[in-house]
Amino acid sequence: MSLPPMPTPRAGAAVAVLGKQILVVGGVGEDQSPLKVVEMYNTEEGRWRKRSALREALMGLSIAVKGTERGQAVTRVNPGFTSCVLIPMVSSGRKPRRPSLYGRALAVGGMGADLLPRSILQQYDLRKDVWALLPPMPTPRYDANTHLLGNKLYVAGGRQCKRPVKAFEVYDAETRSWTTLPIMLCKRSYGGVIWDATGRLCLLGGLRQGGGHQSSKFTKNVNIFDTNQGVWLKSEETVAMKTKRADFAAAFLRGRMVVAGGLGHEPSALDTVEAFHPQRKKWERLAPMNFPRCSTSSIVIRDRLLVVGGVNQVPSSAHEILYVKEEEYL
């Protein structure tokens, strides 16, 4: 099916599905410079519209979408240099108890044209089509992992000048203030990031930053932060994955953490898939991917993991769905 092309050609943009509209924010233009352009595609009308631009041009955005009309977490796509959290419009006629975040988007951090990390926090009002500045986060960075839990925006890790950072901070929309949380247990990049149903942050695998002149190494370690207790779980309370991997698809699927594909110590991309069974407290292998690859995009749709695109020596056009049989659900 052919759709109308975007008005502005770009790569590395942030993309979010908001009801029947698709929002595309920032990215890199044809001249390899960052963009501040924001455009929205209406799926019913079949046309694009310009929206108010970002306050600053930012490249390679990532988006974490929280909520459907029922307020459930949906997906995180296209990790990049800026993180956004988009909150859906309220369809009910009643006013929400906490109106400060409804119908708004929060964009945090990023990398500008000078290649320096940003600490900026911006709020976009979807109804008024305006951007507003909020208190900046303590640690400037890009490529951070974000999650909205209630009225709190968690920002974990990220990069400064291509090097990963361990900073972990949370923004409270009610008090309009930032709080510094216990730092991440290790510097890692290209790992999997999952927020489970209880609001725990799970960091999986990736490339662990070596000290001094040591090179980065693939890891299978799992680190979990409990937002209720405000602490990182001890290593004996977590279970490492079966396979060391980085740059893979990761999702929370019907009570299980699931990882697929990526890169490891093998010369080519991985096709292996594994899931963590919380009752048995172990990782179990699932059916392998038909097309081994890394750098994929993924989304959970109707309790199925859709994995699209990626790289295996060359860019891949493959797309496939992981389906777990009903009797295997938790």
C-alpha atoms as a PDB file:
ATOM      1  CA  MET A   1       0.000   0.000   0.000  1.00  0.00           C
ATOM      2  CA  SER A   2       1.425   3.369  -1.006  1.00  0.00           C
ATOM      3  CA  LEU A   3       1.030   6.377   1.300  1.00  0.00           C
ATOM      4  CA  PRO A   4       1.679  10.061   0.630  1.00  0.00           C
ATOM      5  CA  PRO A   5       5.371  10.870   1.243  1.00  0.00           C
ATOM      6  CA  MET A   6       6.416  13.096   4.133  1.00  0.00           C
ATOM      7  CA  PRO A   7       6.768  16.761   3.167  1.00  0.00           C
ATOM      8  CA  THR A   8      10.295  16.779   4.643  1.00  0.00           C
ATOM      9  CA  PRO A   9      12.744  13.976   3.696  1.00  0.00           C
ATOM     10  CA  ARG A  10      14.636  12.838   6.797  1.00  0.00           C
ATOM     11  CA  ALA A  11      16.243   9.982   8.695  1.00  0.00           C
ATOM     12  CA  GLY A  12      16.398   9.128  12.373  1.00  0.00           C
ATOM     13  CA  ALA A  13      13.157  10.926  13.248  1.00  0.00           C
ATOM     14  CA  ALA A  14      10.963  10.180  16.250  1.00  0.00           C
ATOM     15  CA  VAL A  15       7.667   8.555  15.309  1.00  0.00           C
ATOM     16  CA  ALA A  16       4.582   8.073  17.479  1.00  0.00           C
ATOM     17  CA  VAL A  17       1.087   6.771  16.784  1.00  0.00           C
ATOM     18  CA  LEU A  18      -1.531   8.930  18.500  1.00  0.00           C
ATOM     19  CA  GLY A  19      -4.958   7.479  17.844  1.00  0.00           C
ATOM     20  CA  LYS A  20      -5.496   7.921  14.110  1.00  0.00           C
ATOM     21  CA  GLN A  21      -2.542  10.262  13.644  1.00  0.00           C
ATOM     22  CA  ILE A  22       1.180   9.686  13.203  1.00  0.00           C
ATOM     23  CA  LEU A  23       3.554  12.287  14.627  1.00  0.00           C
ATOM     24  CA  VAL A  24       7.071  12.643  13.156  1.00  0.00           C
ATOM     25  CA  VAL A  25       9.539  14.824  15.088  1.00  0.00           C
ATOM     26  CA  GLY A  26      13.019  16.122  14.197  1.00  0.00           C
ATOM     27  CA  GLY A  27      15.698  13.912  12.650  1.00  0.00           C
ATOM     28  CA  VAL A  28      18.457  14.458  10.091  1.00  0.00           C
ATOM     29  CA  GLY A  29      17.827  16.241   6.785  1.00  0.00           C
ATOM     30  CA  GLU A  30      19.289  15.707   3.333  1.00  0.00           C
ATOM     31  CA  ASP A  31      22.236  17.970   4.172  1.00  0.00           C
ATOM     32  CA  GLN A  32      23.046  15.793   7.229  1.00  0.00           C
ATOM     33  CA  SER A  33      22.037  18.601   9.592  1.00  0.00           C
ATOM     34  CA  PRO A  34      19.565  18.150  12.463  1.00  0.00           C
ATOM     35  CA  LEU A  35      15.973  19.283  11.952  1.00  0.00           C
ATOM     36  CA  LYS A  36      13.425  21.019  14.126  1.00  0.00           C
ATOM     37  CA  VAL A  37      10.551  20.107  11.772  1.00  0.00           C
ATOM     38  CA  VAL A  38       7.441  18.422  13.252  1.00  0.00           C
ATOM     39  CA  GLU A  39       4.786  16.916  10.948  1.00  0.00           C
ATOM     40  CA  MET A  40       1.622  14.892  11.528  1.00  0.00           C
ATOM     41  CA  TYR A  41      -0.104  12.407   9.213  1.00  0.00           C
ATOM     42  CA  ASN A  42      -3.854  11.899   9.547  1.00  0.00           C
ATOM     43  CA  THR A  43      -4.697   8.328   8.554  1.00  0.00           C
ATOM     44  CA  GLU A  44      -8.371   9.121   7.927  1.00  0.00           C
ATOM     45  CA  GLU A  45      -7.725  12.161   5.731  1.00  0.00           C
ATOM     46  CA  GLY A  46      -4.620  10.648   4.136  1.00  0.00           C
ATOM     47  CA  ARG A  47      -2.645  13.886   4.331  1.00  0.00           C
ATOM     48  CA  TRP A  48       0.224  15.515   6.199  1.00  0.00           C
ATOM     49  CA  ARG A  49       0.139  18.718   8.231  1.00  0.00           C
ATOM     50  CA  LYS A  50       2.948  20.853   9.611  1.00  0.00           C
ATOM     51  CA  ARG A  51       2.998  21.304  13.370  1.00  0.00           C
ATOM     52  CA  SER A  52       4.932  23.764  15.517  1.00  0.00           C
ATOM     53  CA  ALA A  53       8.666  23.106  15.231  1.00  0.00           C
ATOM     54  CA  LEU A  54      10.966  22.029  18.034  1.00  0.00           C
ATOM     55  CA  ARG A  55      12.625  24.861  19.928  1.00  0.00           C
ATOM     56  CA  GLU A  56      15.975  23.532  18.696  1.00  0.00           C
ATOM     57  CA  ALA A  57      17.020  21.254  15.848  1.00  0.00           C
ATOM     58  CA  LEU A  58      17.744  17.776  17.237  1.00  0.00           C
ATOM     59  CA  MET A  59      18.852  14.667  15.408  1.00  0.00           C
ATOM     60  CA  GLY A  60      18.026  10.996  15.805  1.00  0.00           C
ATOM     61  CA  LEU A  61      15.113  11.176  18.248  1.00  0.00           C
ATOM     62  CA  SER A  62      13.677   8.226  20.161  1.00  0.00           C
ATOM     63  CA  ILE A  63      10.091   7.969  21.369  1.00  0.00           C
ATOM     64  CA  ALA A  64       8.501   6.156  24.280  1.00  0.00           C
ATOM     65  CA  VAL A  65       4.723   6.042  23.977  1.00  0.00           C
ATOM     66  CA  LYS A  66       2.714   5.489  27.126  1.00  0.00           C
ATOM     67  CA  GLY A  67      -0.878   4.587  26.857  1.00  0.00           C
ATOM     68  CA  THR A  68      -3.755   3.759  24.668  1.00  0.00           C
ATOM     69  CA  GLU A  69      -7.225   5.017  25.460  1.00  0.00           C
ATOM     70  CA  ARG A  70      -7.065   2.662  28.451  1.00  0.00           C
ATOM     71  CA  GLY A  71      -3.743   4.072  29.584  1.00  0.00           C
ATOM     72  CA  GLN A  72      -1.664   0.976  28.873  1.00  0.00           C
ATOM     73  CA  ALA A  73       1.969   1.094  27.816  1.00  0.00           C
ATOM     74  CA  VAL A  74       2.423   0.551  24.100  1.00  0.00           C
ATOM     75  CA  THR A  75       5.944   0.718  22.719  1.00  0.00           C
ATOM     76  CA  ARG A  76       9.275   2.392  22.298  1.00  0.00           C
ATOM     77  CA  VAL A  77      10.616   2.775  18.777  1.00  0.00           C
ATOM     78  CA  ASN A  78      13.646   4.103  16.944  1.00  0.00           C
ATOM     79  CA  PRO A  79      16.163   4.711  19.734  1.00  0.00           C
ATOM     80  CA  GLY A  80      18.283   7.740  18.858  1.00  0.00           C
ATOM     81  CA  PHE A  81      19.670  10.957  20.214  1.00  0.00           C
ATOM     82  CA  THR A  82      16.602  12.512  21.829  1.00  0.00           C
ATOM     83  CA  SER A  83      13.956  10.900  23.952  1.00  0.00           C
ATOM     84  CA  CYS A  84      10.277  11.811  23.850  1.00  0.00           C
ATOM     85  CA  VAL A  85       7.344  10.600  25.852  1.00  0.00           C
ATOM     86  CA  LEU A  86       3.974  11.113  24.199  1.00  0.00           C
ATOM     87  CA  ILE A  87       0.736  10.955  26.155  1.00  0.00           C
ATOM     88  CA  PRO A  88      -2.540  10.361  24.298  1.00  0.00           C
ATOM     89  CA  MET A  89      -5.393  12.865  24.170  1.00  0.00           C
ATOM     90  CA  VAL A  90      -8.216  12.278  26.625  1.00  0.00           C
ATOM     91  CA  SER A  91     -11.271  11.031  24.778  1.00  0.00           C
ATOM     92  CA  SER A  92     -13.607  11.304  27.784  1.00  0.00           C
ATOM     93  CA  GLY A  93     -15.590  14.465  28.418  1.00  0.00           C
ATOM     94  CA  ARG A  94     -14.522  14.451  32.071  1.00  0.00           C
ATOM     95  CA  LYS A  95     -11.419  16.280  33.146  1.00  0.00           C
ATOM     96  CA  PRO A  96      -8.553  14.010  34.244  1.00  0.00           C
ATOM     97  CA  ARG A  97      -7.421  14.086  37.851  1.00  0.00           C
ATOM     98  CA  ARG A  98      -3.938  15.113  36.735  1.00  0.00           C
ATOM     99  CA  PRO A  99      -4.397  17.296  33.646  1.00  0.00           C
ATOM    100  CA  SER A 100      -0.783  18.475  33.459  1.00  0.00           C
ATOM    101  CA  LEU A 101       0.362  15.624  31.177  1.00  0.00           C
ATOM    102  CA  TYR A 102      -2.740  14.725  29.203  1.00  0.00           C
ATOM    103  CA  GLY A 103      -2.597  15.750  25.558  1.00  0.00           C
ATOM    104  CA  ARG A 104       1.069  16.689  25.868  1.00  0.00           C
ATOM    105  CA  ALA A 105       4.474  15.357  24.850  1.00  0.00           C
ATOM    106  CA  LEU A 106       7.708  15.528  26.829  1.00  0.00           C
ATOM    107  CA  ALA A 107      10.967  15.682  24.876  1.00  0.00           C
ATOM    108  CA  VAL A 108      14.168  15.447  26.886  1.00  0.00           C
ATOM    109  CA  GLY A 109      17.862  15.800  26.036  1.00  0.00           C
ATOM    110  CA  GLY A 110      19.307  15.338  22.580  1.00  0.00           C
ATOM    111  CA  MET A 111      22.226  16.320  20.381  1.00  0.00           C
ATOM    112  CA  GLY A 112      22.338  19.592  18.496  1.00  0.00           C
ATOM    113  CA  ALA A 113      24.206  20.752  15.415  1.00  0.00           C
ATOM    114  CA  ASP A 114      27.317  21.337  17.555  1.00  0.00           C
ATOM    115  CA  LEU A 115      27.315  17.596  18.473  1.00  0.00           C
ATOM    116  CA  LEU A 116      27.024  18.427  22.188  1.00  0.00           C
ATOM    117  CA  PRO A 117      24.488  16.736  24.497  1.00  0.00           C
ATOM    118  CA  ARG A 118      21.517  18.708  25.769  1.00  0.00           C
ATOM    119  CA  SER A 119      19.760  18.847  29.151  1.00  0.00           C
ATOM    120  CA  ILE A 120      16.657  20.533  27.727  1.00  0.00           C
ATOM    121  CA  LEU A 121      13.164  19.351  28.654  1.00  0.00           C
ATOM    122  CA  GLN A 122      10.376  20.494  26.340  1.00  0.00           C
ATOM    123  CA  GLN A 123       6.634  20.029  26.605  1.00  0.00           C
ATOM    124  CA  TYR A 124       4.420  19.959  23.531  1.00  0.00           C
ATOM    125  CA  ASP A 125       0.691  20.671  23.822  1.00  0.00           C
ATOM    126  CA  LEU A 126      -1.084  18.703  21.104  1.00  0.00           C
ATOM    127  CA  ARG A 127      -4.277  20.764  21.310  1.00  0.00           C
ATOM    128  CA  LYS A 128      -2.625  24.204  21.283  1.00  0.00           C
ATOM    129  CA  ASP A 129       0.260  23.126  19.008  1.00  0.00           C
ATOM    130  CA  VAL A 130       2.907  24.919  21.104  1.00  0.00           C
ATOM    131  CA  TRP A 131       6.204  23.968  22.755  1.00  0.00           C
ATOM    132  CA  ALA A 132       7.152  25.153  26.260  1.00  0.00           C
ATOM    133  CA  LEU A 133      10.358  24.836  28.272  1.00  0.00           C
ATOM    134  CA  LEU A 134      10.365  22.945  31.563  1.00  0.00           C
ATOM    135  CA  PRO A 135      13.184  22.658  34.152  1.00  0.00           C
ATOM    136  CA  PRO A 136      16.237  21.046  32.472  1.00  0.00           C
ATOM    137  CA  MET A 137      17.464  17.672  33.682  1.00  0.00           C
ATOM    138  CA  PRO A 138      20.662  17.611  35.786  1.00  0.00           C
ATOM    139  CA  THR A 139      22.709  15.519  33.331  1.00  0.00           C
ATOM    140  CA  PRO A 140      22.910  16.582  29.665  1.00  0.00           C
ATOM    141  CA  ARG A 141      22.807  13.581  27.324  1.00  0.00           C
ATOM    142  CA  TYR A 142      21.390  12.030  24.185  1.00  0.00           C
ATOM    143  CA  ASP A 143      20.182   8.522  23.346  1.00  0.00           C
ATOM    144  CA  ALA A 144      18.612   8.190  26.808  1.00  0.00           C
ATOM    145  CA  ASN A 145      16.018   5.607  27.792  1.00  0.00           C
ATOM    146  CA  THR A 146      12.749   7.149  28.986  1.00  0.00           C
ATOM    147  CA  HIS A 147       9.551   5.924  30.575  1.00  0.00           C
ATOM    148  CA  LEU A 148       6.487   7.680  31.941  1.00  0.00           C
ATOM    149  CA  LEU A 149       5.085   6.101  35.087  1.00  0.00           C
ATOM    150  CA  GLY A 150       2.122   8.013  36.449  1.00  0.00           C
ATOM    151  CA  ASN A 151       3.185  11.649  36.501  1.00  0.00           C
ATOM    152  CA  LYS A 152       6.897  10.835  36.648  1.00  0.00           C
ATOM    153  CA  LEU A 153       9.300  10.738  33.712  1.00  0.00           C
ATOM    154  CA  TYR A 154      12.268   8.407  34.259  1.00  0.00           C
ATOM    155  CA  VAL A 155      15.428   9.048  32.220  1.00  0.00           C
ATOM    156  CA  ALA A 156      18.118   6.346  32.371  1.00  0.00           C
ATOM    157  CA  GLY A 157      21.569   6.231  30.808  1.00  0.00           C
ATOM    158  CA  GLY A 158      22.325   7.841  27.483  1.00  0.00           C
ATOM    159  CA  ARG A 159      25.482   9.240  25.940  1.00  0.00           C
ATOM    160  CA  GLN A 160      27.829  12.189  26.157  1.00  0.00           C
ATOM    161  CA  CYS A 161      30.253  12.590  23.257  1.00  0.00           C
ATOM    162  CA  LYS A 162      29.676   8.985  22.153  1.00  0.00           C
ATOM    163  CA  ARG A 163      30.462   7.570  25.621  1.00  0.00           C
ATOM    164  CA  PRO A 164      27.682   6.012  27.720  1.00  0.00           C
ATOM    165  CA  VAL A 165      26.739   7.550  31.063  1.00  0.00           C
ATOM    166  CA  LYS A 166      25.272   5.929  34.182  1.00  0.00           C
ATOM    167  CA  ALA A 167      23.054   8.842  35.203  1.00  0.00           C
ATOM    168  CA  PHE A 168      19.506   7.971  36.284  1.00  0.00           C
ATOM    169  CA  GLU A 169      17.044  10.774  37.024  1.00  0.00           C
ATOM    170  CA  VAL A 170      13.294  11.311  37.335  1.00  0.00           C
ATOM    171  CA  TYR A 171      11.141  14.361  36.609  1.00  0.00           C
ATOM    172  CA  ASP A 172       7.989  14.913  38.679  1.00  0.00           C
ATOM    173  CA  ALA A 173       5.392  16.774  36.603  1.00  0.00           C
ATOM    174  CA  GLU A 174       3.399  17.747  39.704  1.00  0.00           C
ATOM    175  CA  THR A 175       6.291  19.414  41.562  1.00  0.00           C
ATOM    176  CA  ARG A 176       8.101  20.377  38.320  1.00  0.00           C
ATOM    177  CA  SER A 177      11.367  19.143  39.796  1.00  0.00           C
ATOM    178  CA  TRP A 178      14.101  16.578  39.099  1.00  0.00           C
ATOM    179  CA  THR A 179      15.434  13.957  41.506  1.00  0.00           C
ATOM    180  CA  THR A 180      18.697  12.037  41.091  1.00  0.00           C
ATOM    181  CA  LEU A 181      18.279   8.273  41.535  1.00  0.00           C
ATOM    182  CA  PRO A 182      20.958   5.621  42.236  1.00  0.00           C
ATOM    183  CA  ILE A 183      23.202   5.466  39.177  1.00  0.00           C
ATOM    184  CA  MET A 184      23.084   2.538  36.782  1.00  0.00           C
ATOM    185  CA  LEU A 185      25.318  -0.366  37.799  1.00  0.00           C
ATOM    186  CA  CYS A 186      27.449  -0.277  34.651  1.00  0.00           C
ATOM    187  CA  LYS A 187      28.018   1.761  31.520  1.00  0.00           C
ATOM    188  CA  ARG A 188      26.437   0.020  28.585  1.00  0.00           C
ATOM    189  CA  SER A 189      25.232   0.775  25.077  1.00  0.00           C
ATOM    190  CA  TYR A 190      23.037  -1.035  22.548  1.00  0.00           C
ATOM    191  CA  GLY A 191      21.306  -2.947  25.340  1.00  0.00           C
ATOM    192  CA  GLY A 192      17.649  -3.866  25.665  1.00  0.00           C
ATOM    193  CA  VAL A 193      15.361  -1.711  27.801  1.00  0.00           C
ATOM    194  CA  ILE A 194      12.075  -3.047  29.181  1.00  0.00           C
ATOM    195  CA  TRP A 195       9.642  -1.590  31.701  1.00  0.00           C
ATOM    196  CA  ASP A 196       7.571  -4.417  33.118  1.00  0.00           C
ATOM    197  CA  ALA A 197       3.977  -4.301  34.328  1.00  0.00           C
ATOM    198  CA  THR A 198       5.017  -3.467  37.909  1.00  0.00           C
ATOM    199  CA  GLY A 199       7.025  -0.415  36.838  1.00  0.00           C
ATOM    200  CA  ARG A 200      10.485  -1.982  37.113  1.00  0.00           C
ATOM    201  CA  LEU A 201      13.247  -0.869  34.738  1.00  0.00           C
ATOM    202  CA  CYS A 202      15.043  -3.862  33.210  1.00  0.00           C
ATOM    203  CA  LEU A 203      18.369  -3.309  31.398  1.00  0.00           C
ATOM    204  CA  LEU A 204      19.416  -6.316  29.331  1.00  0.00           C
ATOM    205  CA  GLY A 205      22.700  -7.240  27.676  1.00  0.00           C
ATOM    206  CA  GLY A 206      24.420  -4.735  25.416  1.00  0.00           C
ATOM    207  CA  LEU A 207      28.018  -3.618  25.079  1.00  0.00           C
ATOM    208  CA  ARG A 208      29.609  -3.020  28.465  1.00  0.00           C
ATOM    209  CA  GLN A 209      32.043  -0.113  28.468  1.00  0.00           C
ATOM    210  CA  GLY A 210      35.616  -1.179  29.253  1.00  0.00           C
ATOM    211  CA  GLY A 211      37.844   0.847  31.540  1.00  0.00           C
ATOM    212  CA  GLY A 212      40.947   2.690  30.335  1.00  0.00           C
ATOM    213  CA  HIS A 213      42.143   1.208  27.046  1.00  0.00           C
ATOM    214  CA  GLN A 214      39.970  -1.894  27.367  1.00  0.00           C
ATOM    215  CA  SER A 215      37.500  -2.504  24.571  1.00  0.00           C
ATOM    216  CA  SER A 216      33.757  -2.887  25.108  1.00  0.00           C
ATOM    217  CA  LYS A 217      32.467  -6.427  25.605  1.00  0.00           C
ATOM    218  CA  PHE A 218      29.172  -8.127  24.881  1.00  0.00           C
ATOM    219  CA  THR A 219      27.276  -8.963  28.049  1.00  0.00           C
ATOM    220  CA  LYS A 220      24.284 -11.074  29.044  1.00  0.00           C
ATOM    221  CA  ASN A 221      23.796  -9.400  32.426  1.00  0.00           C
ATOM    222  CA  VAL A 222      20.387  -8.163  33.568  1.00  0.00           C
ATOM    223  CA  ASN A 223      20.027  -5.151  35.896  1.00  0.00           C
ATOM    224  CA  ILE A 224      16.636  -4.274  37.409  1.00  0.00           C
ATOM    225  CA  PHE A 225      15.596  -1.074  39.197  1.00  0.00           C
ATOM    226  CA  ASP A 226      12.539  -1.267  41.459  1.00  0.00           C
ATOM    227  CA  THR A 227      10.766   2.096  41.326  1.00  0.00           C
ATOM    228  CA  ASN A 228       8.661   1.217  44.387  1.00  0.00           C
ATOM    229  CA  GLN A 229      11.701   0.575  46.606  1.00  0.00           C
ATOM    230  CA  GLY A 230      13.988   3.032  44.813  1.00  0.00           C
ATOM    231  CA  VAL A 231      16.876   0.557  44.570  1.00  0.00           C
ATOM    232  CA  TRP A 232      18.693  -1.629  42.060  1.00  0.00           C
ATOM    233  CA  LEU A 233      18.216  -5.334  42.751  1.00  0.00           C
ATOM    234  CA  LYS A 234      21.285  -7.289  43.819  1.00  0.00           C
ATOM    235  CA  SER A 235      22.970  -9.483  41.219  1.00  0.00           C
ATOM    236  CA  GLU A 236      21.820 -12.654  43.009  1.00  0.00           C
ATOM    237  CA  GLU A 237      18.219 -11.471  42.588  1.00  0.00           C
ATOM    238  CA  THR A 238      18.472 -11.350  38.783  1.00  0.00           C
ATOM    239  CA  VAL A 239      19.126 -14.027  36.151  1.00  0.00           C
ATOM    240  CA  ALA A 240      21.475 -13.442  33.205  1.00  0.00           C
ATOM    241  CA  MET A 241      20.310 -14.213  29.662  1.00  0.00           C
ATOM    242  CA  LYS A 242      21.520 -17.369  27.931  1.00  0.00           C
ATOM    243  CA  THR A 243      23.303 -15.484  25.128  1.00  0.00           C
ATOM    244  CA  LYS A 244      25.535 -12.412  25.219  1.00  0.00           C
ATOM    245  CA  ARG A 245      24.042  -9.939  22.770  1.00  0.00           C
ATOM    246  CA  ALA A 246      23.678  -6.260  21.845  1.00  0.00           C
ATOM    247  CA  ASP A 247      21.561  -4.224  19.427  1.00  0.00           C
ATOM    248  CA  PHE A 248      18.562  -6.580  19.675  1.00  0.00           C
ATOM    249  CA  ALA A 249      14.782  -6.376  19.934  1.00  0.00           C
ATOM    250  CA  ALA A 250      13.386  -6.482  23.476  1.00  0.00           C
ATOM    251  CA  ALA A 251       9.818  -6.393  24.791  1.00  0.00           C
ATOM    252  CA  PHE A 252       7.570  -7.351  27.685  1.00  0.00           C
ATOM    253  CA  LEU A 253       5.151  -9.907  26.243  1.00  0.00           C
ATOM    254  CA  ARG A 254       2.358 -11.398  28.349  1.00  0.00           C
ATOM    255  CA  GLY A 255       4.345 -11.490  31.586  1.00  0.00           C
ATOM    256  CA  ARG A 256       7.729 -12.327  30.080  1.00  0.00           C
ATOM    257  CA  MET A 257      10.816 -10.411  29.053  1.00  0.00           C
ATOM    258  CA  VAL A 258      11.595 -11.411  25.450  1.00  0.00           C
ATOM    259  CA  VAL A 259      14.771 -10.722  23.441  1.00  0.00           C
ATOM    260  CA  ALA A 260      15.362 -11.490  19.754  1.00  0.00           C
ATOM    261  CA  GLY A 261      18.285 -11.257  17.335  1.00  0.00           C
ATOM    262  CA  GLY A 262      21.119  -8.777  17.712  1.00  0.00           C
ATOM    263  CA  LEU A 263      24.883  -9.111  17.594  1.00  0.00           C
ATOM    264  CA  GLY A 264      27.122 -11.361  19.682  1.00  0.00           C
ATOM    265  CA  HIS A 265      30.495 -13.053  19.419  1.00  0.00           C
ATOM    266  CA  GLU A 266      29.453 -14.776  16.194  1.00  0.00           C
ATOM    267  CA  PRO A 267      30.660 -13.164  12.929  1.00  0.00           C
ATOM    268  CA  SER A 268      27.076 -12.592  11.724  1.00  0.00           C
ATOM    269  CA  ALA A 269      23.807 -11.409  13.238  1.00  0.00           C
ATOM    270  CA  LEU A 270      21.922 -13.645  15.676  1.00  0.00           C
ATOM    271  CA  ASP A 271      18.615 -15.402  15.038  1.00  0.00           C
ATOM    272  CA  THR A 272      18.147 -16.720  18.594  1.00  0.00           C
ATOM    273  CA  VAL A 273      15.119 -15.753  20.704  1.00  0.00           C
ATOM    274  CA  GLU A 274      14.704 -16.268  24.441  1.00  0.00           C
ATOM    275  CA  ALA A 275      12.172 -15.375  27.128  1.00  0.00           C
ATOM    276  CA  PHE A 276      12.394 -15.174  30.910  1.00  0.00           C
ATOM    277  CA  HIS A 277       9.957 -17.354  32.840  1.00  0.00           C
ATOM    278  CA  PRO A 278       9.440 -15.630  36.236  1.00  0.00           C
ATOM    279  CA  GLN A 279       7.975 -18.703  37.965  1.00  0.00           C
ATOM    280  CA  ARG A 280      10.797 -20.991  36.863  1.00  0.00           C
ATOM    281  CA  LYS A 281      13.311 -18.132  37.272  1.00  0.00           C
ATOM    282  CA  LYS A 282      15.183 -18.973  34.093  1.00  0.00           C
ATOM    283  CA  TRP A 283      15.541 -17.911  30.467  1.00  0.00           C
ATOM    284  CA  GLU A 284      14.070 -20.328  27.918  1.00  0.00           C
ATOM    285  CA  ARG A 285      14.727 -20.548  24.203  1.00  0.00           C
ATOM    286  CA  LEU A 286      11.873 -19.853  21.800  1.00  0.00           C
ATOM    287  CA  ALA A 287      11.641 -20.499  18.074  1.00  0.00           C
ATOM    288  CA  PRO A 288      14.460 -18.654  16.229  1.00  0.00           C
ATOM    289  CA  MET A 289      13.852 -15.773  13.865  1.00  0.00           C
ATOM    290  CA  ASN A 290      13.544 -16.730  10.204  1.00  0.00           C
ATOM    291  CA  PHE A 291      15.932 -13.917   9.285  1.00  0.00           C
ATOM    292  CA  PRO A 292      18.926 -13.247  11.599  1.00  0.00           C
ATOM    293  CA  ARG A 293      19.510  -9.517  12.056  1.00  0.00           C
ATOM    294  CA  CYS A 294      20.319  -6.651  14.391  1.00  0.00           C
ATOM    295  CA  SER A 295      19.226  -2.985  14.564  1.00  0.00           C
ATOM    296  CA  THR A 296      15.581  -3.940  14.168  1.00  0.00           C
ATOM    297  CA  SER A 297      12.466  -1.983  15.062  1.00  0.00           C
ATOM    298  CA  SER A 298       9.816  -3.737  17.123  1.00  0.00           C
ATOM    299  CA  ILE A 299       6.405  -3.233  18.666  1.00  0.00           C
ATOM    300  CA  VAL A 300       3.961  -5.375  20.660  1.00  0.00           C
ATOM    301  CA  ILE A 301       0.583  -5.643  18.923  1.00  0.00           C
ATOM    302  CA  ARG A 302      -2.232  -7.753  20.368  1.00  0.00           C
ATOM    303  CA  ASP A 303       0.170  -9.796  22.505  1.00  0.00           C
ATOM    304  CA  ARG A 304       2.450 -10.497  19.557  1.00  0.00           C
ATOM    305  CA  LEU A 305       5.951  -9.141  18.959  1.00  0.00           C
ATOM    306  CA  LEU A 306       6.328  -7.605  15.506  1.00  0.00           C
ATOM    307  CA  VAL A 307       9.975  -7.232  14.415  1.00  0.00           C
ATOM    308  CA  VAL A 308      10.648  -5.272  11.215  1.00  0.00           C
ATOM    309  CA  GLY A 309      13.705  -4.349   9.193  1.00  0.00           C
ATOM    310  CA  GLY A 310      17.203  -4.421  10.616  1.00  0.00           C
ATOM    311  CA  VAL A 311      20.651  -5.272   9.295  1.00  0.00           C
ATOM    312  CA  ASN A 312      22.465  -8.490   8.376  1.00  0.00           C
ATOM    313  CA  GLN A 313      25.481  -7.362   6.383  1.00  0.00           C
ATOM    314  CA  VAL A 314      23.052  -5.203   4.387  1.00  0.00           C
ATOM    315  CA  PRO A 315      19.738  -3.519   5.336  1.00  0.00           C
ATOM    316  CA  SER A 316      16.899  -6.018   5.669  1.00  0.00           C
ATOM    317  CA  SER A 317      13.287  -5.706   4.538  1.00  0.00           C
ATOM    318  CA  ALA A 318      12.218  -8.716   6.621  1.00  0.00           C
ATOM    319  CA  HIS A 319       9.262  -8.491   8.973  1.00  0.00           C
ATOM    320  CA  GLU A 320       7.951 -11.289  11.165  1.00  0.00           C
ATOM    321  CA  ILE A 321       5.783 -11.834  14.226  1.00  0.00           C
ATOM    322  CA  LEU A 322       6.562 -13.854  17.340  1.00  0.00           C
ATOM    323  CA  TYR A 323       3.454 -15.613  18.634  1.00  0.00           C
ATOM    324  CA  VAL A 324       3.476 -17.572  21.890  1.00  0.00           C
ATOM    325  CA  LYS A 325       0.840 -20.286  22.181  1.00  0.00           C
ATOM    326  CA  GLU A 326      -1.952 -19.632  24.653  1.00  0.00           C
ATOM    327  CA  GLU A 327      -0.957 -22.515  26.945  1.00  0.00           C
ATOM    328  CA  GLU A 328       2.521 -20.982  27.266  1.00  0.00           C
ATOM    329  CA  TYR A 329       1.205 -17.641  28.496  1.00  0.00           C
ATOM    330  CA  LEU A 330       1.570 -16.837  32.171  1.00  0.00           C
END
